[in-house]
Amino acid sequence: MSPMVWEVLGSTALGLALALGALRLLPTRLPGRRVVLATGTVGALFGAFVTHSALGPGHLAATLVGALAVAAALLSLLIRPARRVRRSATA
């Protein structure tokens, strides 16, 4: 297989793994499962594309790091603020 196929498969796997980890750690603060999985995957593929375009072929590790960084950044945008419990001052 060509190195570019490994970049695509690796970045897809990293994006899915990152999304599943986020769903496991923050289940109440993220939107639906499909949205998170799609965001992680597409973010990683986009990050791999940008990194590969900037560095050129032959930089598999750097491309995967770029994919991971973009996927993490996009997933962080999905996190909702924690809900605060409002308590009355008199209660």
C-alpha atoms as a PDB file:
ATOM      1  CA  MET A   1       0.000   0.000   0.000  1.00  0.00           C
ATOM      2  CA  SER A   2       1.126   3.529  -0.672  1.00  0.00           C
ATOM      3  CA  PRO A   3       2.152   5.814   2.199  1.00  0.00           C
ATOM      4  CA  MET A   4      -0.772   8.123   1.502  1.00  0.00           C
ATOM      5  CA  VAL A   5      -3.223   5.289   2.163  1.00  0.00           C
ATOM      6  CA  TRP A   6      -1.535   4.731   5.532  1.00  0.00           C
ATOM      7  CA  GLU A   7      -1.922   8.437   6.294  1.00  0.00           C
ATOM      8  CA  VAL A   8      -5.640   8.296   5.545  1.00  0.00           C
ATOM      9  CA  LEU A   9      -6.225   5.091   7.504  1.00  0.00           C
ATOM     10  CA  GLY A  10      -4.094   6.242  10.419  1.00  0.00           C
ATOM     11  CA  SER A  11      -5.692   9.650  10.670  1.00  0.00           C
ATOM     12  CA  THR A  12      -9.173   8.131  10.458  1.00  0.00           C
ATOM     13  CA  ALA A  13      -8.347   5.692  13.248  1.00  0.00           C
ATOM     14  CA  LEU A  14      -6.862   8.481  15.386  1.00  0.00           C
ATOM     15  CA  GLY A  15      -9.902  10.686  14.847  1.00  0.00           C
ATOM     16  CA  LEU A  16     -12.299   7.903  15.805  1.00  0.00           C
ATOM     17  CA  ALA A  17     -10.236   6.962  18.850  1.00  0.00           C
ATOM     18  CA  LEU A  18     -10.095  10.571  19.997  1.00  0.00           C
ATOM     19  CA  ALA A  19     -13.845  10.993  19.507  1.00  0.00           C
ATOM     20  CA  LEU A  20     -14.612   7.784  21.408  1.00  0.00           C
ATOM     21  CA  GLY A  21     -12.344   8.894  24.226  1.00  0.00           C
ATOM     22  CA  ALA A  22     -14.096  12.238  24.397  1.00  0.00           C
ATOM     23  CA  LEU A  23     -17.486  10.524  24.484  1.00  0.00           C
ATOM     24  CA  ARG A  24     -16.311   8.297  27.307  1.00  0.00           C
ATOM     25  CA  LEU A  25     -14.824  11.130  29.383  1.00  0.00           C
ATOM     26  CA  LEU A  26     -17.455  13.830  28.776  1.00  0.00           C
ATOM     27  CA  PRO A  27     -20.741  12.118  27.856  1.00  0.00           C
ATOM     28  CA  THR A  28     -23.035  14.814  29.279  1.00  0.00           C
ATOM     29  CA  ARG A  29     -21.115  17.773  27.869  1.00  0.00           C
ATOM     30  CA  LEU A  30     -21.052  16.665  24.217  1.00  0.00           C
ATOM     31  CA  PRO A  31     -23.790  16.576  21.592  1.00  0.00           C
ATOM     32  CA  GLY A  32     -25.004  13.361  19.975  1.00  0.00           C
ATOM     33  CA  ARG A  33     -22.703  10.419  19.348  1.00  0.00           C
ATOM     34  CA  ARG A  34     -22.937  10.689  15.560  1.00  0.00           C
ATOM     35  CA  VAL A  35     -21.904  14.334  15.578  1.00  0.00           C
ATOM     36  CA  VAL A  36     -18.892  13.686  17.796  1.00  0.00           C
ATOM     37  CA  LEU A  37     -17.712  10.675  15.781  1.00  0.00           C
ATOM     38  CA  ALA A  38     -18.132  12.521  12.494  1.00  0.00           C
ATOM     39  CA  THR A  39     -16.337  15.605  13.819  1.00  0.00           C
ATOM     40  CA  GLY A  40     -13.402  13.569  15.075  1.00  0.00           C
ATOM     41  CA  THR A  41     -13.052  11.678  11.811  1.00  0.00           C
ATOM     42  CA  VAL A  42     -13.491  14.630   9.469  1.00  0.00           C
ATOM     43  CA  GLY A  43     -11.250  16.802  11.639  1.00  0.00           C
ATOM     44  CA  ALA A  44      -8.476  14.229  11.529  1.00  0.00           C
ATOM     45  CA  LEU A  45      -8.786  13.808   7.773  1.00  0.00           C
ATOM     46  CA  PHE A  46      -8.704  17.558   7.270  1.00  0.00           C
ATOM     47  CA  GLY A  47      -5.715  17.885   9.582  1.00  0.00           C
ATOM     48  CA  ALA A  48      -3.897  15.152   7.662  1.00  0.00           C
ATOM     49  CA  PHE A  49      -4.694  16.890   4.379  1.00  0.00           C
ATOM     50  CA  VAL A  50      -3.400  20.258   5.579  1.00  0.00           C
ATOM     51  CA  THR A  51      -0.268  18.772   7.135  1.00  0.00           C
ATOM     52  CA  HIS A  52       0.460  16.631   4.086  1.00  0.00           C
ATOM     53  CA  SER A  53      -0.032  19.642   1.827  1.00  0.00           C
ATOM     54  CA  ALA A  54       2.347  21.740   3.921  1.00  0.00           C
ATOM     55  CA  LEU A  55       5.092  19.151   4.424  1.00  0.00           C
ATOM     56  CA  GLY A  56       4.767  16.981   1.351  1.00  0.00           C
ATOM     57  CA  PRO A  57       5.042  13.214   1.156  1.00  0.00           C
ATOM     58  CA  GLY A  58       7.289  11.170   3.409  1.00  0.00           C
ATOM     59  CA  HIS A  59       6.304  12.670   6.765  1.00  0.00           C
ATOM     60  CA  LEU A  60       3.907  10.064   8.124  1.00  0.00           C
ATOM     61  CA  ALA A  61       4.443  10.786  11.833  1.00  0.00           C
ATOM     62  CA  ALA A  62       4.126  14.555  11.401  1.00  0.00           C
ATOM     63  CA  THR A  63       0.993  14.115   9.287  1.00  0.00           C
ATOM     64  CA  LEU A  64      -0.612  11.984  11.989  1.00  0.00           C
ATOM     65  CA  VAL A  65       0.313  14.542  14.660  1.00  0.00           C
ATOM     66  CA  GLY A  66      -1.302  17.260  12.545  1.00  0.00           C
ATOM     67  CA  ALA A  67      -4.400  15.113  12.119  1.00  0.00           C
ATOM     68  CA  LEU A  68      -4.607  14.545  15.851  1.00  0.00           C
ATOM     69  CA  ALA A  69      -4.184  18.250  16.625  1.00  0.00           C
ATOM     70  CA  VAL A  70      -6.931  19.409  14.272  1.00  0.00           C
ATOM     71  CA  ALA A  71      -9.326  16.675  15.425  1.00  0.00           C
ATOM     72  CA  ALA A  72      -8.736  17.617  19.065  1.00  0.00           C
ATOM     73  CA  ALA A  73      -9.277  21.294  18.302  1.00  0.00           C
ATOM     74  CA  LEU A  74     -12.553  20.630  16.504  1.00  0.00           C
ATOM     75  CA  LEU A  75     -13.796  18.267  19.200  1.00  0.00           C
ATOM     76  CA  SER A  76     -13.035  20.862  21.850  1.00  0.00           C
ATOM     77  CA  LEU A  77     -15.406  23.241  20.092  1.00  0.00           C
ATOM     78  CA  LEU A  78     -18.269  20.808  20.694  1.00  0.00           C
ATOM     79  CA  ILE A  79     -17.909  20.771  24.491  1.00  0.00           C
ATOM     80  CA  ARG A  80     -20.733  22.545  26.272  1.00  0.00           C
ATOM     81  CA  PRO A  81     -20.206  24.377  29.559  1.00  0.00           C
ATOM     82  CA  ALA A  82     -20.929  22.408  32.719  1.00  0.00           C
ATOM     83  CA  ARG A  83     -24.369  22.931  34.132  1.00  0.00           C
ATOM     84  CA  ARG A  84     -24.369  24.777  37.396  1.00  0.00           C
ATOM     85  CA  VAL A  85     -26.822  23.990  40.127  1.00  0.00           C
ATOM     86  CA  ARG A  86     -28.621  27.139  41.154  1.00  0.00           C
ATOM     87  CA  ARG A  87     -29.395  27.399  44.795  1.00  0.00           C
ATOM     88  CA  SER A  88     -31.613  29.931  46.376  1.00  0.00           C
ATOM     89  CA  ALA A  89     -29.976  32.272  48.874  1.00  0.00           C
ATOM     90  CA  THR A  90     -32.782  31.592  51.350  1.00  0.00           C
ATOM     91  CA  ALA A  91     -32.795  27.808  51.092  1.00  0.00           C
END
